[in-house]
Amino acid sequence: MYLEIVTPEAILFSSEVDSLTVPGENGEFQMLNNHAPVVSNLKEGTIKIHIHSQANLKLDDLDGKLIIDAVDDKILTLLINSGTLELNDNKAIILAD
């Protein structure tokens, strides 16, 4: 699935991912390839991005907000205050605050 994370400052992340875990208003949930379409508000919490490899990874992380997990270098995390997620046809877009 393709993921793009956009903030008011920049596009922080734009790449293929294996899975995505987000802090939804009613609890954390995960999405994999071919997930049903979703639109959800996000609350304060951590977005976890599982990538297959760091090859072809496109980061425009101007403030060091995306953090590579210390235990598994295929997991990136991003703390958000709030946001909106739309997933459709294996493309996820997160508008994050």
Protein backbone atom coordinates (compact mmCIF):
# COMPACT_ATOMS: atom_id res chain seq x y z
CA MET A 1 0.00 0.00 0.00
CA TYR A 2 1.16 3.56 -0.64
CA LEU A 3 1.26 6.04 2.25
CA GLU A 4 1.59 9.80 2.23
CA ILE A 5 1.77 11.83 5.45
CA VAL A 6 1.15 15.55 5.03
CA THR A 7 1.51 18.31 7.63
CA PRO A 8 0.94 22.04 7.22
CA GLU A 9 4.71 22.43 6.80
CA ALA A 10 5.55 19.65 4.33
CA ILE A 11 5.00 16.14 3.04
CA LEU A 12 6.81 14.13 5.73
CA PHE A 13 6.52 10.68 4.22
CA SER A 14 5.73 9.30 0.78
CA SER A 15 6.44 5.64 0.06
CA GLU A 16 5.18 2.07 -0.19
CA VAL A 17 4.53 0.45 3.21
CA ASP A 18 3.66 -3.05 4.46
CA SER A 19 1.31 -1.92 7.23
CA LEU A 20 0.16 1.14 9.11
CA THR A 21 -1.10 1.53 12.68
CA VAL A 22 -2.88 4.74 13.70
CA PRO A 23 -4.51 6.17 16.85
CA GLY A 24 -8.18 6.36 15.85
CA GLU A 25 -10.77 8.18 17.94
CA ASN A 26 -12.18 4.83 19.13
CA GLY A 27 -8.80 3.15 19.60
CA GLU A 28 -5.72 2.12 17.70
CA PHE A 29 -6.19 0.16 14.48
CA GLN A 30 -3.99 -1.35 11.79
CA MET A 31 -4.31 -1.49 8.00
CA LEU A 32 -2.67 -3.89 5.56
CA ASN A 33 -2.71 -4.17 1.76
CA ASN A 34 -6.18 -4.41 0.23
CA HIS A 35 -7.87 -3.06 3.35
CA ALA A 36 -11.44 -1.87 2.92
CA PRO A 37 -11.81 1.89 2.33
CA VAL A 38 -11.59 3.92 5.55
CA VAL A 39 -12.03 7.55 6.55
CA SER A 40 -11.21 8.28 10.19
CA ASN A 41 -10.34 11.11 12.54
CA LEU A 42 -7.15 10.53 14.47
CA LYS A 43 -6.43 11.55 18.04
CA GLU A 44 -3.18 12.33 19.80
CA GLY A 45 -0.85 9.36 19.66
CA THR A 46 1.70 7.48 17.59
CA ILE A 47 1.52 6.45 13.96
CA LYS A 48 3.55 3.27 13.34
CA ILE A 49 4.69 2.60 9.80
CA HIS A 50 6.08 -0.81 8.88
CA ILE A 51 8.22 -0.64 5.76
CA HIS A 52 9.62 -3.56 3.77
CA SER A 53 13.04 -1.92 3.42
CA GLN A 54 14.58 1.52 3.51
CA ALA A 55 15.43 1.32 -0.21
CA ASN A 56 13.30 3.75 -2.26
CA LEU A 57 12.16 5.46 0.95
CA LYS A 58 11.28 9.13 0.38
CA LEU A 59 11.39 11.24 3.53
CA ASP A 60 11.03 14.99 3.69
CA ASP A 61 11.36 15.03 7.45
CA LEU A 62 12.41 18.62 8.07
CA ASP A 63 12.16 18.54 11.88
CA GLY A 64 13.22 14.98 12.71
CA LYS A 65 9.63 14.00 13.56
CA LEU A 66 9.85 10.54 11.99
CA ILE A 67 11.83 8.22 14.24
CA ILE A 68 13.32 4.85 13.25
CA ASP A 69 12.57 2.23 15.92
CA ALA A 70 15.65 1.28 17.96
CA VAL A 71 14.79 -2.44 17.89
CA ASP A 72 13.46 -2.82 14.33
CA ASP A 73 14.78 -0.50 11.60
CA LYS A 74 11.74 -1.36 9.44
CA ILE A 75 9.39 0.50 11.79
CA LEU A 76 9.05 4.28 11.70
CA THR A 77 7.04 6.21 14.28
CA LEU A 78 5.50 9.67 14.21
CA LEU A 79 3.84 11.45 17.13
CA ILE A 80 0.75 13.47 16.18
CA ASN A 81 -1.66 15.74 18.02
CA SER A 82 -4.59 14.98 15.72
CA GLY A 83 -5.31 14.26 12.09
CA THR A 84 -7.46 12.68 9.42
CA LEU A 85 -6.88 9.44 7.53
CA GLU A 86 -8.29 8.38 4.19
CA LEU A 87 -7.52 4.95 2.72
CA ASN A 88 -8.87 3.94 -0.66
CA ASP A 89 -7.53 1.63 -3.39
CA ASN A 90 -4.33 0.85 -1.42
CA LYS A 91 -3.43 4.54 -1.05
CA ALA A 92 -3.50 6.08 2.42
CA ILE A 93 -3.27 9.81 3.02
CA ILE A 94 -2.85 11.20 6.51
CA LEU A 95 -3.31 14.90 7.17
CA ALA A 96 -1.51 15.29 10.49
CA ASP A 97 -1.15 18.05 13.03
